[in-house]
Amino acid sequence: MSDPGLSAIMSERRQLINLAYRLLGSLADAEDVVQDTYARWYAMTPDEQQAIDNPAAWLTKVASRICLDLLRSARARRERYVGEWIPEPLPETTQWHTGSTDPADPADRVTLDESVNMAFLVVLDAMTPAERVAFILHDVFRYPFPEVAEIVGRTPAACRQLASSARRRIREAEHPAAPSARRAELVREFKAAWEATDIAALVNLLDPEVTAVADGGGIVRASLAPVHGGTDVAQYFADLPVFTLGRTLIERTVNGQPGLVIEFEGVVETVIAFDVNDDRITNIWAIRNPEKLQPWKS
């Protein structure tokens, strides 16, 4: 006989994964947070669980606080990280194994929207932990400031200021959005120019102030510093020995937007995300760290 209480608790899993991924930029960390949250729930006695009026709110509060602690300790971890750190990329459909017999169970999929595109996550990563948590909880998940305040440990007024500061950071990073069709067209043209080693065509597709960042995590080879400027970025990609080594470049959706992946013998080795301003590519993020590519394994 099924336990309706258990069903209600487990139904929150999707929400918690979505929240934790946006807060941490890491699927692996998000899954750990959710597991830790449920472990704390089941560590309580039945009477203690019954005393909680709103289990969903309790789960969200605990998961958010765990994320906040992780964000506060992330600076030390980032100092030990080799090279540039980029959030973990999501494939078009991301699933987790929960024992469900239906691999397409919507509870196992991260909701892809504008709050998980790579450019947005990179801006989030530059925020303070409190700013990030206040903004995501209030502006993305619509939690009222009094509830946010309980999680962050600040007053509602202070949380309102944190969210406002986060919004300002996002506005400063925003630029005119290109239509989805044009984004896909630019990525397709970039792919063709790269495969042809056509530096002039690459330069024409790139904003003069474009930045390319690679993340190998010290595990695989990647540029340790960003590459800036249309000419230098074009030359950088043209010089990569991707195609001479038998790799294949494939168009894929990355965090809900057009992107590319590099495969070798059916295994994804690199995921590339793009940001577009009007009619030019302004940012390129290449994630090569194999620990961040687990969701891309077939």
C-alpha atoms as a PDB file:
ATOM      1  CA  MET A   1       0.000   0.000   0.000  1.00  0.00           C
ATOM      2  CA  SER A   2       1.464   3.352  -1.033  1.00  0.00           C
ATOM      3  CA  ASP A   3       2.213   6.030   1.526  1.00  0.00           C
ATOM      4  CA  PRO A   4       0.517   9.295   0.450  1.00  0.00           C
ATOM      5  CA  GLY A   5       2.834  11.222   2.765  1.00  0.00           C
ATOM      6  CA  LEU A   6       5.877   9.692   1.086  1.00  0.00           C
ATOM      7  CA  SER A   7       4.446  10.505  -2.341  1.00  0.00           C
ATOM      8  CA  ALA A   8       3.893  14.141  -1.360  1.00  0.00           C
ATOM      9  CA  ILE A   9       7.434  14.453  -0.014  1.00  0.00           C
ATOM     10  CA  MET A  10       9.062  12.836  -3.051  1.00  0.00           C
ATOM     11  CA  SER A  11       7.005  14.991  -5.418  1.00  0.00           C
ATOM     12  CA  GLU A  12       9.067  17.956  -4.238  1.00  0.00           C
ATOM     13  CA  ARG A  13      12.233  16.431  -5.671  1.00  0.00           C
ATOM     14  CA  ARG A  14      11.928  18.141  -9.040  1.00  0.00           C
ATOM     15  CA  GLN A  15      11.464  21.555  -7.421  1.00  0.00           C
ATOM     16  CA  LEU A  16      14.448  20.983  -5.144  1.00  0.00           C
ATOM     17  CA  ILE A  17      16.708  19.895  -8.014  1.00  0.00           C
ATOM     18  CA  ASN A  18      15.669  22.920 -10.062  1.00  0.00           C
ATOM     19  CA  LEU A  19      16.335  25.227  -7.125  1.00  0.00           C
ATOM     20  CA  ALA A  20      19.682  23.696  -6.141  1.00  0.00           C
ATOM     21  CA  TYR A  21      21.017  23.690  -9.714  1.00  0.00           C
ATOM     22  CA  ARG A  22      20.266  27.388 -10.134  1.00  0.00           C
ATOM     23  CA  LEU A  23      21.838  28.155  -6.776  1.00  0.00           C
ATOM     24  CA  LEU A  24      24.994  26.101  -7.313  1.00  0.00           C
ATOM     25  CA  GLY A  25      25.474  25.779 -11.081  1.00  0.00           C
ATOM     26  CA  SER A  26      26.318  22.106 -10.578  1.00  0.00           C
ATOM     27  CA  LEU A  27      24.072  19.115 -11.170  1.00  0.00           C
ATOM     28  CA  ALA A  28      26.268  16.847  -9.082  1.00  0.00           C
ATOM     29  CA  ASP A  29      26.171  19.260  -6.146  1.00  0.00           C
ATOM     30  CA  ALA A  30      22.424  19.785  -6.625  1.00  0.00           C
ATOM     31  CA  GLU A  31      21.779  16.058  -6.397  1.00  0.00           C
ATOM     32  CA  ASP A  32      23.935  15.828  -3.265  1.00  0.00           C
ATOM     33  CA  VAL A  33      21.987  18.685  -1.690  1.00  0.00           C
ATOM     34  CA  VAL A  34      18.646  17.015  -2.399  1.00  0.00           C
ATOM     35  CA  GLN A  35      19.868  13.698  -1.016  1.00  0.00           C
ATOM     36  CA  ASP A  36      21.119  15.456   2.113  1.00  0.00           C
ATOM     37  CA  THR A  37      17.787  17.264   2.463  1.00  0.00           C
ATOM     38  CA  TYR A  38      15.791  14.046   2.296  1.00  0.00           C
ATOM     39  CA  ALA A  39      18.236  12.353   4.670  1.00  0.00           C
ATOM     40  CA  ARG A  40      17.515  15.061   7.234  1.00  0.00           C
ATOM     41  CA  TRP A  41      13.771  14.607   6.754  1.00  0.00           C
ATOM     42  CA  TYR A  42      13.920  10.849   7.302  1.00  0.00           C
ATOM     43  CA  ALA A  43      16.274  11.256  10.265  1.00  0.00           C
ATOM     44  CA  MET A  44      13.340  12.787  12.151  1.00  0.00           C
ATOM     45  CA  THR A  45      10.848  10.713  14.053  1.00  0.00           C
ATOM     46  CA  PRO A  46       7.292  10.347  12.677  1.00  0.00           C
ATOM     47  CA  ASP A  47       6.067  12.677  15.413  1.00  0.00           C
ATOM     48  CA  GLU A  48       8.626  15.314  14.444  1.00  0.00           C
ATOM     49  CA  GLN A  49       7.575  15.022  10.794  1.00  0.00           C
ATOM     50  CA  GLN A  50       3.894  15.315  11.718  1.00  0.00           C
ATOM     51  CA  ALA A  51       4.650  18.499  13.656  1.00  0.00           C
ATOM     52  CA  ILE A  52       5.803  20.236  10.451  1.00  0.00           C
ATOM     53  CA  ASP A  53       2.794  22.041   8.973  1.00  0.00           C
ATOM     54  CA  ASN A  54       4.266  22.479   5.490  1.00  0.00           C
ATOM     55  CA  PRO A  55       6.762  19.738   4.561  1.00  0.00           C
ATOM     56  CA  ALA A  56       7.399  21.252   1.118  1.00  0.00           C
ATOM     57  CA  ALA A  57       8.401  24.571   2.659  1.00  0.00           C
ATOM     58  CA  TRP A  58      10.585  22.739   5.196  1.00  0.00           C
ATOM     59  CA  LEU A  59      12.386  20.850   2.415  1.00  0.00           C
ATOM     60  CA  THR A  60      12.951  24.050   0.447  1.00  0.00           C
ATOM     61  CA  LYS A  61      14.272  25.868   3.502  1.00  0.00           C
ATOM     62  CA  VAL A  62      16.705  23.067   4.360  1.00  0.00           C
ATOM     63  CA  ALA A  63      17.922  22.652   0.762  1.00  0.00           C
ATOM     64  CA  SER A  64      18.399  26.410   0.394  1.00  0.00           C
ATOM     65  CA  ARG A  65      20.391  26.635   3.608  1.00  0.00           C
ATOM     66  CA  ILE A  66      22.624  23.742   2.523  1.00  0.00           C
ATOM     67  CA  CYS A  67      23.187  25.530  -0.799  1.00  0.00           C
ATOM     68  CA  LEU A  68      23.969  28.780   1.009  1.00  0.00           C
ATOM     69  CA  ASP A  69      26.598  27.017   3.119  1.00  0.00           C
ATOM     70  CA  LEU A  70      28.106  25.457  -0.004  1.00  0.00           C
ATOM     71  CA  LEU A  71      28.207  28.814  -1.775  1.00  0.00           C
ATOM     72  CA  ARG A  72      29.963  30.391   1.196  1.00  0.00           C
ATOM     73  CA  SER A  73      32.634  27.688   1.109  1.00  0.00           C
ATOM     74  CA  ALA A  74      32.932  27.769  -2.688  1.00  0.00           C
ATOM     75  CA  ARG A  75      35.506  30.580  -2.700  1.00  0.00           C
ATOM     76  CA  ALA A  76      38.110  28.393  -1.003  1.00  0.00           C
ATOM     77  CA  ARG A  77      37.293  25.519  -3.341  1.00  0.00           C
ATOM     78  CA  ARG A  78      37.537  27.785  -6.388  1.00  0.00           C
ATOM     79  CA  GLU A  79      40.974  28.976  -5.282  1.00  0.00           C
ATOM     80  CA  ARG A  80      42.151  25.366  -5.590  1.00  0.00           C
ATOM     81  CA  TYR A  81      40.417  24.869  -8.945  1.00  0.00           C
ATOM     82  CA  VAL A  82      42.776  24.690 -11.909  1.00  0.00           C
ATOM     83  CA  GLY A  83      41.938  27.260 -14.593  1.00  0.00           C
ATOM     84  CA  GLU A  84      38.554  28.866 -15.186  1.00  0.00           C
ATOM     85  CA  TRP A  85      35.357  27.559 -13.545  1.00  0.00           C
ATOM     86  CA  ILE A  86      32.195  27.357 -15.677  1.00  0.00           C
ATOM     87  CA  PRO A  87      28.806  26.054 -14.444  1.00  0.00           C
ATOM     88  CA  GLU A  88      27.929  22.505 -15.438  1.00  0.00           C
ATOM     89  CA  PRO A  89      26.111  22.428 -18.799  1.00  0.00           C
ATOM     90  CA  LEU A  90      22.724  20.775 -19.207  1.00  0.00           C
ATOM     91  CA  PRO A  91      21.732  18.758 -22.281  1.00  0.00           C
ATOM     92  CA  GLU A  92      18.348  19.314 -23.875  1.00  0.00           C
ATOM     93  CA  THR A  93      16.726  16.698 -21.649  1.00  0.00           C
ATOM     94  CA  THR A  94      18.393  16.027 -18.313  1.00  0.00           C
ATOM     95  CA  GLN A  95      17.219  13.018 -16.338  1.00  0.00           C
ATOM     96  CA  TRP A  96      18.044  11.495 -12.975  1.00  0.00           C
ATOM     97  CA  HIS A  97      17.641   7.903 -11.933  1.00  0.00           C
ATOM     98  CA  THR A  98      15.100   7.676  -9.120  1.00  0.00           C
ATOM     99  CA  GLY A  99      13.950   4.125  -9.536  1.00  0.00           C
ATOM    100  CA  SER A 100      11.085   5.179 -11.784  1.00  0.00           C
ATOM    101  CA  THR A 101      10.220   2.709 -14.530  1.00  0.00           C
ATOM    102  CA  ASP A 102       9.472   5.622 -16.840  1.00  0.00           C
ATOM    103  CA  PRO A 103      12.726   7.241 -18.038  1.00  0.00           C
ATOM    104  CA  ALA A 104      10.725  10.219 -19.251  1.00  0.00           C
ATOM    105  CA  ASP A 105       9.229  10.903 -15.831  1.00  0.00           C
ATOM    106  CA  PRO A 106       8.889  14.715 -15.732  1.00  0.00           C
ATOM    107  CA  ALA A 107       9.907  14.659 -12.072  1.00  0.00           C
ATOM    108  CA  ASP A 108      13.357  13.588 -13.265  1.00  0.00           C
ATOM    109  CA  ARG A 109      13.929  16.495 -15.599  1.00  0.00           C
ATOM    110  CA  VAL A 110      15.296  19.952 -14.918  1.00  0.00           C
ATOM    111  CA  THR A 111      13.023  22.657 -16.243  1.00  0.00           C
ATOM    112  CA  LEU A 112      14.917  24.596 -18.876  1.00  0.00           C
ATOM    113  CA  ASP A 113      14.115  28.281 -19.103  1.00  0.00           C
ATOM    114  CA  GLU A 114      15.902  31.606 -19.209  1.00  0.00           C
ATOM    115  CA  SER A 115      17.139  31.152 -15.644  1.00  0.00           C
ATOM    116  CA  VAL A 116      19.410  28.271 -16.622  1.00  0.00           C
ATOM    117  CA  ASN A 117      21.022  29.599 -19.773  1.00  0.00           C
ATOM    118  CA  MET A 118      24.786  29.757 -19.446  1.00  0.00           C
ATOM    119  CA  ALA A 119      25.058  33.552 -19.585  1.00  0.00           C
ATOM    120  CA  PHE A 120      22.579  33.865 -16.711  1.00  0.00           C
ATOM    121  CA  LEU A 121      24.401  31.258 -14.616  1.00  0.00           C
ATOM    122  CA  VAL A 122      27.743  32.987 -15.171  1.00  0.00           C
ATOM    123  CA  VAL A 123      26.272  36.264 -13.869  1.00  0.00           C
ATOM    124  CA  LEU A 124      24.809  34.419 -10.884  1.00  0.00           C
ATOM    125  CA  ASP A 125      28.221  32.993 -10.132  1.00  0.00           C
ATOM    126  CA  ALA A 126      29.634  36.502  -9.717  1.00  0.00           C
ATOM    127  CA  MET A 127      27.090  37.365  -7.009  1.00  0.00           C
ATOM    128  CA  THR A 128      27.585  37.030  -3.281  1.00  0.00           C
ATOM    129  CA  PRO A 129      25.996  33.876  -1.809  1.00  0.00           C
ATOM    130  CA  ALA A 130      23.274  35.912  -0.083  1.00  0.00           C
ATOM    131  CA  GLU A 131      22.487  37.860  -3.267  1.00  0.00           C
ATOM    132  CA  ARG A 132      22.212  34.687  -5.292  1.00  0.00           C
ATOM    133  CA  VAL A 133      19.964  32.900  -2.833  1.00  0.00           C
ATOM    134  CA  ALA A 134      17.701  35.920  -2.258  1.00  0.00           C
ATOM    135  CA  PHE A 135      17.337  36.571  -5.977  1.00  0.00           C
ATOM    136  CA  ILE A 136      16.699  32.957  -7.028  1.00  0.00           C
ATOM    137  CA  LEU A 137      14.215  32.294  -4.244  1.00  0.00           C
ATOM    138  CA  HIS A 138      12.272  35.521  -4.778  1.00  0.00           C
ATOM    139  CA  ASP A 139      12.562  36.405  -8.466  1.00  0.00           C
ATOM    140  CA  VAL A 140      12.723  32.912  -9.975  1.00  0.00           C
ATOM    141  CA  PHE A 141      10.759  30.779  -7.508  1.00  0.00           C
ATOM    142  CA  ARG A 142       8.518  33.581  -6.188  1.00  0.00           C
ATOM    143  CA  TYR A 143       9.103  33.078  -2.475  1.00  0.00           C
ATOM    144  CA  PRO A 144       8.022  36.117  -0.412  1.00  0.00           C
ATOM    145  CA  PHE A 145      10.795  38.055   1.289  1.00  0.00           C
ATOM    146  CA  PRO A 146       9.773  37.065   4.837  1.00  0.00           C
ATOM    147  CA  GLU A 147      10.356  33.405   3.887  1.00  0.00           C
ATOM    148  CA  VAL A 148      13.603  34.289   2.097  1.00  0.00           C
ATOM    149  CA  ALA A 149      14.729  36.112   5.224  1.00  0.00           C
ATOM    150  CA  GLU A 150      14.309  32.975   7.344  1.00  0.00           C
ATOM    151  CA  ILE A 151      16.586  31.083   4.965  1.00  0.00           C
ATOM    152  CA  VAL A 152      19.255  33.729   4.450  1.00  0.00           C
ATOM    153  CA  GLY A 153      19.324  34.883   8.052  1.00  0.00           C
ATOM    154  CA  ARG A 154      18.677  38.541   7.220  1.00  0.00           C
ATOM    155  CA  THR A 155      15.690  40.830   7.617  1.00  0.00           C
ATOM    156  CA  PRO A 156      13.074  40.940   4.848  1.00  0.00           C
ATOM    157  CA  ALA A 157      14.217  44.481   4.033  1.00  0.00           C
ATOM    158  CA  ALA A 158      17.824  43.328   3.729  1.00  0.00           C
ATOM    159  CA  CYS A 159      16.753  40.461   1.453  1.00  0.00           C
ATOM    160  CA  ARG A 160      14.831  42.916  -0.694  1.00  0.00           C
ATOM    161  CA  GLN A 161      18.039  44.929  -1.087  1.00  0.00           C
ATOM    162  CA  LEU A 162      20.012  41.777  -1.916  1.00  0.00           C
ATOM    163  CA  ALA A 163      17.564  40.826  -4.652  1.00  0.00           C
ATOM    164  CA  SER A 164      17.629  44.392  -5.988  1.00  0.00           C
ATOM    165  CA  SER A 165      21.422  44.311  -6.127  1.00  0.00           C
ATOM    166  CA  ALA A 166      21.287  40.988  -7.974  1.00  0.00           C
ATOM    167  CA  ARG A 167      18.791  42.394 -10.485  1.00  0.00           C
ATOM    168  CA  ARG A 168      21.125  45.317 -11.108  1.00  0.00           C
ATOM    169  CA  ARG A 169      23.992  42.939 -11.854  1.00  0.00           C
ATOM    170  CA  ILE A 170      21.803  41.078 -14.340  1.00  0.00           C
ATOM    171  CA  ARG A 171      20.639  44.285 -16.052  1.00  0.00           C
ATOM    172  CA  GLU A 172      24.242  45.426 -16.422  1.00  0.00           C
ATOM    173  CA  ALA A 173      25.112  42.147 -18.127  1.00  0.00           C
ATOM    174  CA  GLU A 174      22.046  42.094 -20.370  1.00  0.00           C
ATOM    175  CA  HIS A 175      22.085  43.037 -24.033  1.00  0.00           C
ATOM    176  CA  PRO A 176      19.549  42.944 -26.871  1.00  0.00           C
ATOM    177  CA  ALA A 177      18.466  39.341 -27.280  1.00  0.00           C
ATOM    178  CA  ALA A 178      18.770  37.724 -30.692  1.00  0.00           C
ATOM    179  CA  PRO A 179      15.797  35.672 -31.920  1.00  0.00           C
ATOM    180  CA  SER A 180      16.147  31.937 -31.314  1.00  0.00           C
ATOM    181  CA  ALA A 181      16.323  31.227 -35.028  1.00  0.00           C
ATOM    182  CA  ARG A 182      19.178  33.700 -35.453  1.00  0.00           C
ATOM    183  CA  ARG A 183      21.026  32.184 -32.483  1.00  0.00           C
ATOM    184  CA  ALA A 184      20.822  28.771 -34.085  1.00  0.00           C
ATOM    185  CA  GLU A 185      21.922  30.203 -37.432  1.00  0.00           C
ATOM    186  CA  LEU A 186      24.964  31.890 -35.876  1.00  0.00           C
ATOM    187  CA  VAL A 187      26.022  28.690 -34.123  1.00  0.00           C
ATOM    188  CA  ARG A 188      25.586  26.747 -37.371  1.00  0.00           C
ATOM    189  CA  GLU A 189      27.668  29.298 -39.250  1.00  0.00           C
ATOM    190  CA  PHE A 190      30.327  29.199 -36.524  1.00  0.00           C
ATOM    191  CA  LYS A 191      30.443  25.401 -36.822  1.00  0.00           C
ATOM    192  CA  ALA A 192      30.875  25.568 -40.605  1.00  0.00           C
ATOM    193  CA  ALA A 193      33.593  28.237 -40.416  1.00  0.00           C
ATOM    194  CA  TRP A 194      35.441  26.323 -37.709  1.00  0.00           C
ATOM    195  CA  GLU A 195      35.316  23.064 -39.664  1.00  0.00           C
ATOM    196  CA  ALA A 196      36.630  24.921 -42.737  1.00  0.00           C
ATOM    197  CA  THR A 197      39.334  26.710 -40.664  1.00  0.00           C
ATOM    198  CA  ASP A 198      37.992  29.923 -42.189  1.00  0.00           C
ATOM    199  CA  ILE A 199      39.407  32.558 -39.856  1.00  0.00           C
ATOM    200  CA  ALA A 200      37.876  35.471 -41.764  1.00  0.00           C
ATOM    201  CA  ALA A 201      34.418  33.914 -41.505  1.00  0.00           C
ATOM    202  CA  LEU A 202      34.914  33.259 -37.793  1.00  0.00           C
ATOM    203  CA  VAL A 203      35.962  36.866 -37.177  1.00  0.00           C
ATOM    204  CA  ASN A 204      32.871  38.061 -39.026  1.00  0.00           C
ATOM    205  CA  LEU A 205      30.637  36.045 -36.676  1.00  0.00           C
ATOM    206  CA  LEU A 206      32.322  37.254 -33.491  1.00  0.00           C
ATOM    207  CA  ASP A 207      31.807  40.486 -31.613  1.00  0.00           C
ATOM    208  CA  PRO A 208      35.096  42.465 -31.557  1.00  0.00           C
ATOM    209  CA  GLU A 209      35.032  42.204 -27.734  1.00  0.00           C
ATOM    210  CA  VAL A 210      34.148  38.493 -27.628  1.00  0.00           C
ATOM    211  CA  THR A 211      35.514  36.365 -24.799  1.00  0.00           C
ATOM    212  CA  ALA A 212      36.152  32.625 -24.948  1.00  0.00           C
ATOM    213  CA  VAL A 213      36.571  30.654 -21.722  1.00  0.00           C
ATOM    214  CA  ALA A 214      37.489  26.988 -21.330  1.00  0.00           C
ATOM    215  CA  ASP A 215      37.105  24.757 -18.275  1.00  0.00           C
ATOM    216  CA  GLY A 216      39.233  21.629 -18.066  1.00  0.00           C
ATOM    217  CA  GLY A 217      39.432  21.539 -14.285  1.00  0.00           C
ATOM    218  CA  GLY A 218      43.087  20.509 -14.445  1.00  0.00           C
ATOM    219  CA  ILE A 219      41.919  17.088 -15.674  1.00  0.00           C
ATOM    220  CA  VAL A 220      42.067  17.646 -19.432  1.00  0.00           C
ATOM    221  CA  ARG A 221      43.886  20.234 -21.509  1.00  0.00           C
ATOM    222  CA  ALA A 222      42.217  23.640 -21.704  1.00  0.00           C
ATOM    223  CA  SER A 223      43.335  27.252 -21.842  1.00  0.00           C
ATOM    224  CA  LEU A 224      43.933  28.421 -18.272  1.00  0.00           C
ATOM    225  CA  ALA A 225      42.995  32.030 -19.078  1.00  0.00           C
ATOM    226  CA  PRO A 226      40.170  33.565 -21.138  1.00  0.00           C
ATOM    227  CA  VAL A 227      40.891  34.578 -24.729  1.00  0.00           C
ATOM    228  CA  HIS A 228      39.654  38.058 -25.700  1.00  0.00           C
ATOM    229  CA  GLY A 229      38.935  39.783 -29.009  1.00  0.00           C
ATOM    230  CA  GLY A 230      37.479  38.591 -32.294  1.00  0.00           C
ATOM    231  CA  THR A 231      40.754  37.966 -34.094  1.00  0.00           C
ATOM    232  CA  ASP A 232      42.432  36.173 -31.190  1.00  0.00           C
ATOM    233  CA  VAL A 233      39.388  34.006 -30.471  1.00  0.00           C
ATOM    234  CA  ALA A 234      39.031  33.083 -34.147  1.00  0.00           C
ATOM    235  CA  GLN A 235      42.707  32.149 -34.348  1.00  0.00           C
ATOM    236  CA  TYR A 236      42.454  30.198 -31.102  1.00  0.00           C
ATOM    237  CA  PHE A 237      39.637  28.008 -32.430  1.00  0.00           C
ATOM    238  CA  ALA A 238      41.267  27.629 -35.826  1.00  0.00           C
ATOM    239  CA  ASP A 239      44.447  26.355 -34.154  1.00  0.00           C
ATOM    240  CA  LEU A 240      42.706  23.706 -32.047  1.00  0.00           C
ATOM    241  CA  PRO A 241      43.553  20.229 -33.422  1.00  0.00           C
ATOM    242  CA  VAL A 242      39.956  19.058 -33.134  1.00  0.00           C
ATOM    243  CA  PHE A 243      39.299  17.725 -36.608  1.00  0.00           C
ATOM    244  CA  THR A 244      42.773  16.363 -37.318  1.00  0.00           C
ATOM    245  CA  LEU A 245      42.295  14.088 -34.308  1.00  0.00           C
ATOM    246  CA  GLY A 246      39.091  12.584 -35.652  1.00  0.00           C
ATOM    247  CA  ARG A 247      36.636  14.482 -33.488  1.00  0.00           C
ATOM    248  CA  THR A 248      33.098  15.302 -34.639  1.00  0.00           C
ATOM    249  CA  LEU A 249      31.329  18.627 -34.101  1.00  0.00           C
ATOM    250  CA  ILE A 250      27.583  18.309 -33.502  1.00  0.00           C
ATOM    251  CA  GLU A 251      24.816  20.866 -32.951  1.00  0.00           C
ATOM    252  CA  ARG A 252      23.111  20.322 -29.599  1.00  0.00           C
ATOM    253  CA  THR A 253      20.952  22.286 -27.213  1.00  0.00           C
ATOM    254  CA  VAL A 254      22.991  23.499 -24.229  1.00  0.00           C
ATOM    255  CA  ASN A 255      21.075  24.899 -21.263  1.00  0.00           C
ATOM    256  CA  GLY A 256      18.074  25.532 -23.457  1.00  0.00           C
ATOM    257  CA  GLN A 257      19.951  27.361 -26.223  1.00  0.00           C
ATOM    258  CA  PRO A 258      21.794  26.415 -29.444  1.00  0.00           C
ATOM    259  CA  GLY A 259      25.259  25.046 -28.756  1.00  0.00           C
ATOM    260  CA  LEU A 260      27.839  22.541 -29.940  1.00  0.00           C
ATOM    261  CA  VAL A 261      29.451  19.399 -28.627  1.00  0.00           C
ATOM    262  CA  ILE A 262      32.682  17.696 -29.633  1.00  0.00           C
ATOM    263  CA  GLU A 263      32.423  13.914 -29.709  1.00  0.00           C
ATOM    264  CA  PHE A 264      35.019  11.204 -30.126  1.00  0.00           C
ATOM    265  CA  GLU A 265      33.779   7.696 -30.869  1.00  0.00           C
ATOM    266  CA  GLY A 266      30.337   8.604 -29.554  1.00  0.00           C
ATOM    267  CA  VAL A 267      31.591  10.122 -26.283  1.00  0.00           C
ATOM    268  CA  VAL A 268      31.038  13.820 -25.555  1.00  0.00           C
ATOM    269  CA  GLU A 269      34.407  15.412 -24.744  1.00  0.00           C
ATOM    270  CA  THR A 270      33.499  19.115 -24.874  1.00  0.00           C
ATOM    271  CA  VAL A 271      30.271  21.094 -24.545  1.00  0.00           C
ATOM    272  CA  ILE A 272      30.241  24.623 -25.976  1.00  0.00           C
ATOM    273  CA  ALA A 273      27.703  27.281 -25.017  1.00  0.00           C
ATOM    274  CA  PHE A 274      27.286  30.661 -26.703  1.00  0.00           C
ATOM    275  CA  ASP A 275      25.910  34.074 -25.879  1.00  0.00           C
ATOM    276  CA  VAL A 276      24.725  36.361 -28.667  1.00  0.00           C
ATOM    277  CA  ASN A 277      24.308  40.130 -28.808  1.00  0.00           C
ATOM    278  CA  ASP A 278      22.189  41.282 -31.746  1.00  0.00           C
ATOM    279  CA  ASP A 279      23.992  39.635 -34.671  1.00  0.00           C
ATOM    280  CA  ARG A 280      27.346  38.606 -33.188  1.00  0.00           C
ATOM    281  CA  ILE A 281      28.655  36.010 -30.759  1.00  0.00           C
ATOM    282  CA  THR A 282      29.787  37.762 -27.571  1.00  0.00           C
ATOM    283  CA  ASN A 283      30.762  34.872 -25.302  1.00  0.00           C
ATOM    284  CA  ILE A 284      31.862  31.282 -25.799  1.00  0.00           C
ATOM    285  CA  TRP A 285      32.100  28.812 -22.923  1.00  0.00           C
ATOM    286  CA  ALA A 286      33.776  25.448 -23.543  1.00  0.00           C
ATOM    287  CA  ILE A 287      33.328  22.910 -20.762  1.00  0.00           C
ATOM    288  CA  ARG A 288      35.859  20.066 -21.005  1.00  0.00           C
ATOM    289  CA  ASN A 289      36.095  18.900 -17.398  1.00  0.00           C
ATOM    290  CA  PRO A 290      34.774  15.313 -17.658  1.00  0.00           C
ATOM    291  CA  GLU A 291      33.345  15.540 -14.131  1.00  0.00           C
ATOM    292  CA  LYS A 292      30.959  18.213 -15.425  1.00  0.00           C
ATOM    293  CA  LEU A 293      29.877  16.193 -18.466  1.00  0.00           C
ATOM    294  CA  GLN A 294      28.253  13.244 -16.693  1.00  0.00           C
ATOM    295  CA  PRO A 295      24.692  14.181 -17.856  1.00  0.00           C
ATOM    296  CA  TRP A 296      25.951  14.067 -21.463  1.00  0.00           C
ATOM    297  CA  LYS A 297      26.891  10.398 -21.324  1.00  0.00           C
ATOM    298  CA  SER A 298      24.594   8.318 -23.480  1.00  0.00           C
END
